[in-house]
Amino acid sequence: MLSKEQIVELAFNDVNAFNKEIKSIKGSIDLSEIDFSNINLDGAEFINVDLTSSSFADAHLTSVKFDSCDLTSVDFTRANLVECSYTESVLNGTDFSYSTVDYCNFADSDLAGAIFQGADLTNSDFSMAENLSACRFDEETVWPDNEYLPEDFDTQYSSDLSSLQDDEDYEQTDY
């Protein structure tokens, strides 16, 4: 069995060998806190992998599977994600800010606390996602058509306590 560092090295250099190694390991694989920033990946299969607090910032990912993964607090900011799968994954606190998330599948994924500020989510499927109403987004977030969203989800941004913004009309007074 390869070390964590050797598995990561395969992800960067030989995606077919990486996929073979991931499939050969029984149980969950710990690749938490790994810096995959700026990586270009096509066809990688992170299946049943713990990627907690890892970074894919500014990455270009095509047809990458993150199925049954723990993606808690993973950084996907400014990433270009095309035809990726997040089926049955935990994405609590995962940051997709300013990313392009195109034709991705979030079936049975838990999106509580996920951040989509300024993200382009056109053509992605969130219809079977869980806790999408507990995500954060802003007026610049581009959502897919309603048929790709849960029935009870409202794409209209409204400023509330979760945005933690100062009220512009607030006047400071001396006591």
C-alpha atoms as a PDB file:
ATOM      1  CA  MET A   1       0.000   0.000   0.000  1.00  0.00           C
ATOM      2  CA  LEU A   2       1.274   3.437  -0.928  1.00  0.00           C
ATOM      3  CA  SER A   3       1.767   6.296   1.524  1.00  0.00           C
ATOM      4  CA  LYS A   4      -0.458   9.384   1.532  1.00  0.00           C
ATOM      5  CA  GLU A   5       2.296  11.358  -0.212  1.00  0.00           C
ATOM      6  CA  GLN A   6       2.712   8.694  -2.913  1.00  0.00           C
ATOM      7  CA  ILE A   7      -1.040   8.627  -3.609  1.00  0.00           C
ATOM      8  CA  VAL A   8      -1.072  12.424  -3.925  1.00  0.00           C
ATOM      9  CA  GLU A   9       1.926  12.239  -6.280  1.00  0.00           C
ATOM     10  CA  LEU A  10      -0.067   9.823  -8.493  1.00  0.00           C
ATOM     11  CA  ALA A  11      -2.977  12.306  -8.622  1.00  0.00           C
ATOM     12  CA  PHE A  12      -0.612  14.952 -10.004  1.00  0.00           C
ATOM     13  CA  ASN A  13       1.271  12.701 -12.442  1.00  0.00           C
ATOM     14  CA  ASP A  14      -0.679   9.550 -13.416  1.00  0.00           C
ATOM     15  CA  VAL A  15      -4.456   9.699 -12.982  1.00  0.00           C
ATOM     16  CA  ASN A  16      -4.976   6.121 -14.207  1.00  0.00           C
ATOM     17  CA  ALA A  17      -2.553   4.744 -11.611  1.00  0.00           C
ATOM     18  CA  PHE A  18      -4.192   7.016  -9.010  1.00  0.00           C
ATOM     19  CA  ASN A  19      -7.668   5.625  -9.822  1.00  0.00           C
ATOM     20  CA  LYS A  20      -6.368   2.051  -9.667  1.00  0.00           C
ATOM     21  CA  GLU A  21      -4.757   2.684  -6.266  1.00  0.00           C
ATOM     22  CA  ILE A  22      -7.934   4.323  -4.853  1.00  0.00           C
ATOM     23  CA  LYS A  23     -10.056   1.363  -6.001  1.00  0.00           C
ATOM     24  CA  SER A  24      -7.633  -1.150  -4.463  1.00  0.00           C
ATOM     25  CA  ILE A  25      -7.837   0.358  -0.971  1.00  0.00           C
ATOM     26  CA  LYS A  26     -10.628  -0.985   1.224  1.00  0.00           C
ATOM     27  CA  GLY A  27     -12.250   1.589   3.477  1.00  0.00           C
ATOM     28  CA  SER A  28     -11.841   5.338   3.610  1.00  0.00           C
ATOM     29  CA  ILE A  29      -8.662   7.002   2.370  1.00  0.00           C
ATOM     30  CA  ASP A  30      -7.248  10.003   4.240  1.00  0.00           C
ATOM     31  CA  LEU A  31      -6.115  12.767   1.894  1.00  0.00           C
ATOM     32  CA  SER A  32      -7.132  15.566   4.243  1.00  0.00           C
ATOM     33  CA  GLU A  33      -5.344  18.921   4.248  1.00  0.00           C
ATOM     34  CA  ILE A  34      -3.678  18.351   0.850  1.00  0.00           C
ATOM     35  CA  ASP A  35      -2.966  21.291  -1.457  1.00  0.00           C
ATOM     36  CA  PHE A  36      -4.280  20.453  -4.945  1.00  0.00           C
ATOM     37  CA  SER A  37      -4.395  24.155  -5.920  1.00  0.00           C
ATOM     38  CA  ASN A  38      -3.974  24.890  -9.634  1.00  0.00           C
ATOM     39  CA  ILE A  39      -4.109  21.188 -10.530  1.00  0.00           C
ATOM     40  CA  ASN A  40      -5.547  20.086 -13.885  1.00  0.00           C
ATOM     41  CA  LEU A  41      -7.348  16.768 -13.420  1.00  0.00           C
ATOM     42  CA  ASP A  42      -9.391  14.813 -15.926  1.00  0.00           C
ATOM     43  CA  GLY A  43     -11.163  11.619 -14.925  1.00  0.00           C
ATOM     44  CA  ALA A  44      -9.801  11.236 -11.393  1.00  0.00           C
ATOM     45  CA  GLU A  45     -11.928   9.153  -9.028  1.00  0.00           C
ATOM     46  CA  PHE A  46     -11.811  10.282  -5.404  1.00  0.00           C
ATOM     47  CA  ILE A  47     -14.243   7.649  -4.129  1.00  0.00           C
ATOM     48  CA  ASN A  48     -14.690   7.251  -0.360  1.00  0.00           C
ATOM     49  CA  VAL A  49     -11.843   9.705   0.288  1.00  0.00           C
ATOM     50  CA  ASP A  50     -11.526  12.082   3.248  1.00  0.00           C
ATOM     51  CA  LEU A  51     -10.439  15.402   1.713  1.00  0.00           C
ATOM     52  CA  THR A  52     -11.325  17.535   4.747  1.00  0.00           C
ATOM     53  CA  SER A  53      -9.692  20.985   4.607  1.00  0.00           C
ATOM     54  CA  SER A  54      -7.934  20.270   1.293  1.00  0.00           C
ATOM     55  CA  SER A  55      -7.662  22.920  -1.415  1.00  0.00           C
ATOM     56  CA  PHE A  56      -8.587  22.746  -5.085  1.00  0.00           C
ATOM     57  CA  ALA A  57      -8.452  26.547  -5.437  1.00  0.00           C
ATOM     58  CA  ASP A  58      -7.919  27.693  -9.031  1.00  0.00           C
ATOM     59  CA  ALA A  59      -7.997  24.053 -10.208  1.00  0.00           C
ATOM     60  CA  HIS A  60      -9.446  22.819 -13.500  1.00  0.00           C
ATOM     61  CA  LEU A  61     -11.336  19.561 -12.929  1.00  0.00           C
ATOM     62  CA  THR A  62     -13.121  17.642 -15.670  1.00  0.00           C
ATOM     63  CA  SER A  63     -15.142  14.458 -15.075  1.00  0.00           C
ATOM     64  CA  VAL A  64     -13.749  14.075 -11.557  1.00  0.00           C
ATOM     65  CA  LYS A  65     -15.736  11.895  -9.146  1.00  0.00           C
ATOM     66  CA  PHE A  66     -15.955  12.923  -5.499  1.00  0.00           C
ATOM     67  CA  ASP A  67     -18.495  10.206  -4.641  1.00  0.00           C
ATOM     68  CA  SER A  68     -19.033   9.288  -0.969  1.00  0.00           C
ATOM     69  CA  CYS A  69     -16.308  11.734   0.073  1.00  0.00           C
ATOM     70  CA  ASP A  70     -15.903  13.958   3.098  1.00  0.00           C
ATOM     71  CA  LEU A  71     -15.345  17.384   1.539  1.00  0.00           C
ATOM     72  CA  THR A  72     -15.890  19.360   4.746  1.00  0.00           C
ATOM     73  CA  SER A  73     -14.250  22.797   4.473  1.00  0.00           C
ATOM     74  CA  VAL A  74     -12.630  22.026   1.095  1.00  0.00           C
ATOM     75  CA  ASP A  75     -11.611  25.112  -0.900  1.00  0.00           C
ATOM     76  CA  PHE A  76     -12.859  25.115  -4.520  1.00  0.00           C
ATOM     77  CA  THR A  77     -12.622  28.926  -4.894  1.00  0.00           C
ATOM     78  CA  ARG A  78     -12.125  30.135  -8.468  1.00  0.00           C
ATOM     79  CA  ALA A  79     -12.038  26.520  -9.697  1.00  0.00           C
ATOM     80  CA  ASN A  80     -13.404  25.418 -13.065  1.00  0.00           C
ATOM     81  CA  LEU A  81     -15.442  22.245 -12.427  1.00  0.00           C
ATOM     82  CA  VAL A  82     -16.951  20.488 -15.448  1.00  0.00           C
ATOM     83  CA  GLU A  83     -19.037  17.292 -15.294  1.00  0.00           C
ATOM     84  CA  CYS A  84     -17.867  16.450 -11.763  1.00  0.00           C
ATOM     85  CA  SER A  85     -19.838  14.207  -9.421  1.00  0.00           C
ATOM     86  CA  TYR A  86     -20.379  14.850  -5.706  1.00  0.00           C
ATOM     87  CA  THR A  87     -22.884  12.007  -5.128  1.00  0.00           C
ATOM     88  CA  GLU A  88     -23.455  11.088  -1.465  1.00  0.00           C
ATOM     89  CA  SER A  89     -20.695  13.433  -0.292  1.00  0.00           C
ATOM     90  CA  VAL A  90     -20.538  15.757   2.712  1.00  0.00           C
ATOM     91  CA  LEU A  91     -19.849  19.346   1.629  1.00  0.00           C
ATOM     92  CA  ASN A  92     -20.348  21.162   4.945  1.00  0.00           C
ATOM     93  CA  GLY A  93     -18.570  24.497   4.763  1.00  0.00           C
ATOM     94  CA  THR A  94     -17.126  23.728   1.322  1.00  0.00           C
ATOM     95  CA  ASP A  95     -16.279  26.949  -0.521  1.00  0.00           C
ATOM     96  CA  PHE A  96     -17.199  27.236  -4.214  1.00  0.00           C
ATOM     97  CA  SER A  97     -16.931  31.048  -4.279  1.00  0.00           C
ATOM     98  CA  TYR A  98     -16.289  32.524  -7.741  1.00  0.00           C
ATOM     99  CA  SER A  99     -16.089  29.045  -9.296  1.00  0.00           C
ATOM    100  CA  THR A 100     -17.640  27.778 -12.487  1.00  0.00           C
ATOM    101  CA  VAL A 101     -19.559  24.605 -11.636  1.00  0.00           C
ATOM    102  CA  ASP A 102     -20.911  23.315 -14.950  1.00  0.00           C
ATOM    103  CA  TYR A 103     -22.851  20.070 -15.496  1.00  0.00           C
ATOM    104  CA  CYS A 104     -21.954  18.758 -12.020  1.00  0.00           C
ATOM    105  CA  ASN A 105     -24.136  16.330 -10.041  1.00  0.00           C
ATOM    106  CA  PHE A 106     -24.855  16.844  -6.333  1.00  0.00           C
ATOM    107  CA  ALA A 107     -27.298  13.928  -5.807  1.00  0.00           C
ATOM    108  CA  ASP A 108     -27.698  13.006  -2.132  1.00  0.00           C
ATOM    109  CA  SER A 109     -24.892  15.372  -1.114  1.00  0.00           C
ATOM    110  CA  ASP A 110     -25.114  17.388   2.115  1.00  0.00           C
ATOM    111  CA  LEU A 111     -24.589  21.082   1.334  1.00  0.00           C
ATOM    112  CA  ALA A 112     -25.206  22.568   4.795  1.00  0.00           C
ATOM    113  CA  GLY A 113     -22.940  25.575   5.124  1.00  0.00           C
ATOM    114  CA  ALA A 114     -21.561  25.350   1.570  1.00  0.00           C
ATOM    115  CA  ILE A 115     -20.567  28.726   0.113  1.00  0.00           C
ATOM    116  CA  PHE A 116     -21.555  29.660  -3.459  1.00  0.00           C
ATOM    117  CA  GLN A 117     -20.886  33.417  -3.459  1.00  0.00           C
ATOM    118  CA  GLY A 118     -20.322  34.679  -6.999  1.00  0.00           C
ATOM    119  CA  ALA A 119     -20.366  31.111  -8.360  1.00  0.00           C
ATOM    120  CA  ASP A 120     -21.741  30.149 -11.782  1.00  0.00           C
ATOM    121  CA  LEU A 121     -23.737  26.960 -11.203  1.00  0.00           C
ATOM    122  CA  THR A 122     -25.382  26.853 -14.641  1.00  0.00           C
ATOM    123  CA  ASN A 123     -26.439  23.384 -15.782  1.00  0.00           C
ATOM    124  CA  SER A 124     -25.484  21.635 -12.509  1.00  0.00           C
ATOM    125  CA  ASP A 125     -28.013  19.336 -10.837  1.00  0.00           C
ATOM    126  CA  PHE A 126     -28.903  20.119  -7.208  1.00  0.00           C
ATOM    127  CA  SER A 127     -32.416  18.617  -7.403  1.00  0.00           C
ATOM    128  CA  MET A 128     -31.588  15.707  -5.066  1.00  0.00           C
ATOM    129  CA  ALA A 129     -29.150  17.642  -2.839  1.00  0.00           C
ATOM    130  CA  GLU A 130     -29.770  17.895   0.891  1.00  0.00           C
ATOM    131  CA  ASN A 131     -29.651  21.093   2.988  1.00  0.00           C
ATOM    132  CA  LEU A 132     -29.196  23.430   0.009  1.00  0.00           C
ATOM    133  CA  SER A 133     -31.329  25.967   1.858  1.00  0.00           C
ATOM    134  CA  ALA A 134     -28.557  26.088   4.505  1.00  0.00           C
ATOM    135  CA  CYS A 135     -25.917  27.263   2.024  1.00  0.00           C
ATOM    136  CA  ARG A 136     -24.587  30.791   1.587  1.00  0.00           C
ATOM    137  CA  PHE A 137     -24.796  32.694  -1.690  1.00  0.00           C
ATOM    138  CA  ASP A 138     -25.144  36.246  -2.931  1.00  0.00           C
ATOM    139  CA  GLU A 139     -26.901  38.202  -5.678  1.00  0.00           C
ATOM    140  CA  GLU A 140     -24.066  37.328  -8.092  1.00  0.00           C
ATOM    141  CA  THR A 141     -24.573  33.561  -7.759  1.00  0.00           C
ATOM    142  CA  VAL A 142     -25.918  32.099 -11.022  1.00  0.00           C
ATOM    143  CA  TRP A 143     -28.266  29.179 -10.320  1.00  0.00           C
ATOM    144  CA  PRO A 144     -29.402  26.504 -12.785  1.00  0.00           C
ATOM    145  CA  ASP A 145     -33.019  26.312 -13.950  1.00  0.00           C
ATOM    146  CA  ASN A 146     -35.580  25.413 -11.265  1.00  0.00           C
ATOM    147  CA  GLU A 147     -35.872  21.843 -12.530  1.00  0.00           C
ATOM    148  CA  TYR A 148     -32.297  21.288 -11.259  1.00  0.00           C
ATOM    149  CA  LEU A 149     -33.025  22.681  -7.788  1.00  0.00           C
ATOM    150  CA  PRO A 150     -34.949  21.234  -4.820  1.00  0.00           C
ATOM    151  CA  GLU A 151     -38.616  22.272  -4.874  1.00  0.00           C
ATOM    152  CA  ASP A 152     -38.369  24.227  -1.619  1.00  0.00           C
ATOM    153  CA  PHE A 153     -35.225  26.190  -2.533  1.00  0.00           C
ATOM    154  CA  ASP A 154     -35.440  29.944  -3.146  1.00  0.00           C
ATOM    155  CA  THR A 155     -32.678  31.372  -5.351  1.00  0.00           C
ATOM    156  CA  GLN A 156     -33.497  34.964  -4.430  1.00  0.00           C
ATOM    157  CA  TYR A 157     -30.732  36.439  -2.327  1.00  0.00           C
ATOM    158  CA  SER A 158     -31.825  38.254   0.779  1.00  0.00           C
ATOM    159  CA  SER A 159     -29.558  39.863   3.280  1.00  0.00           C
ATOM    160  CA  ASP A 160     -29.943  38.187   6.653  1.00  0.00           C
ATOM    161  CA  LEU A 161     -27.946  37.436   9.783  1.00  0.00           C
ATOM    162  CA  SER A 162     -25.893  34.743   8.030  1.00  0.00           C
ATOM    163  CA  SER A 163     -24.337  37.371   5.778  1.00  0.00           C
ATOM    164  CA  LEU A 164     -22.999  39.238   8.839  1.00  0.00           C
ATOM    165  CA  GLN A 165     -23.105  42.583   7.068  1.00  0.00           C
ATOM    166  CA  ASP A 166     -23.205  45.928   8.813  1.00  0.00           C
ATOM    167  CA  ASP A 167     -26.417  47.823   8.346  1.00  0.00           C
ATOM    168  CA  GLU A 168     -25.604  50.893   6.240  1.00  0.00           C
ATOM    169  CA  ASP A 169     -28.300  52.892   8.018  1.00  0.00           C
ATOM    170  CA  TYR A 170     -26.787  52.196  11.400  1.00  0.00           C
ATOM    171  CA  GLU A 171     -25.795  55.373  13.207  1.00  0.00           C
ATOM    172  CA  GLN A 172     -23.187  55.156  15.890  1.00  0.00           C
ATOM    173  CA  THR A 173     -24.049  57.148  18.972  1.00  0.00           C
ATOM    174  CA  ASP A 174     -22.075  58.076  22.032  1.00  0.00           C
ATOM    175  CA  TYR A 175     -23.522  56.879  25.314  1.00  0.00           C
END
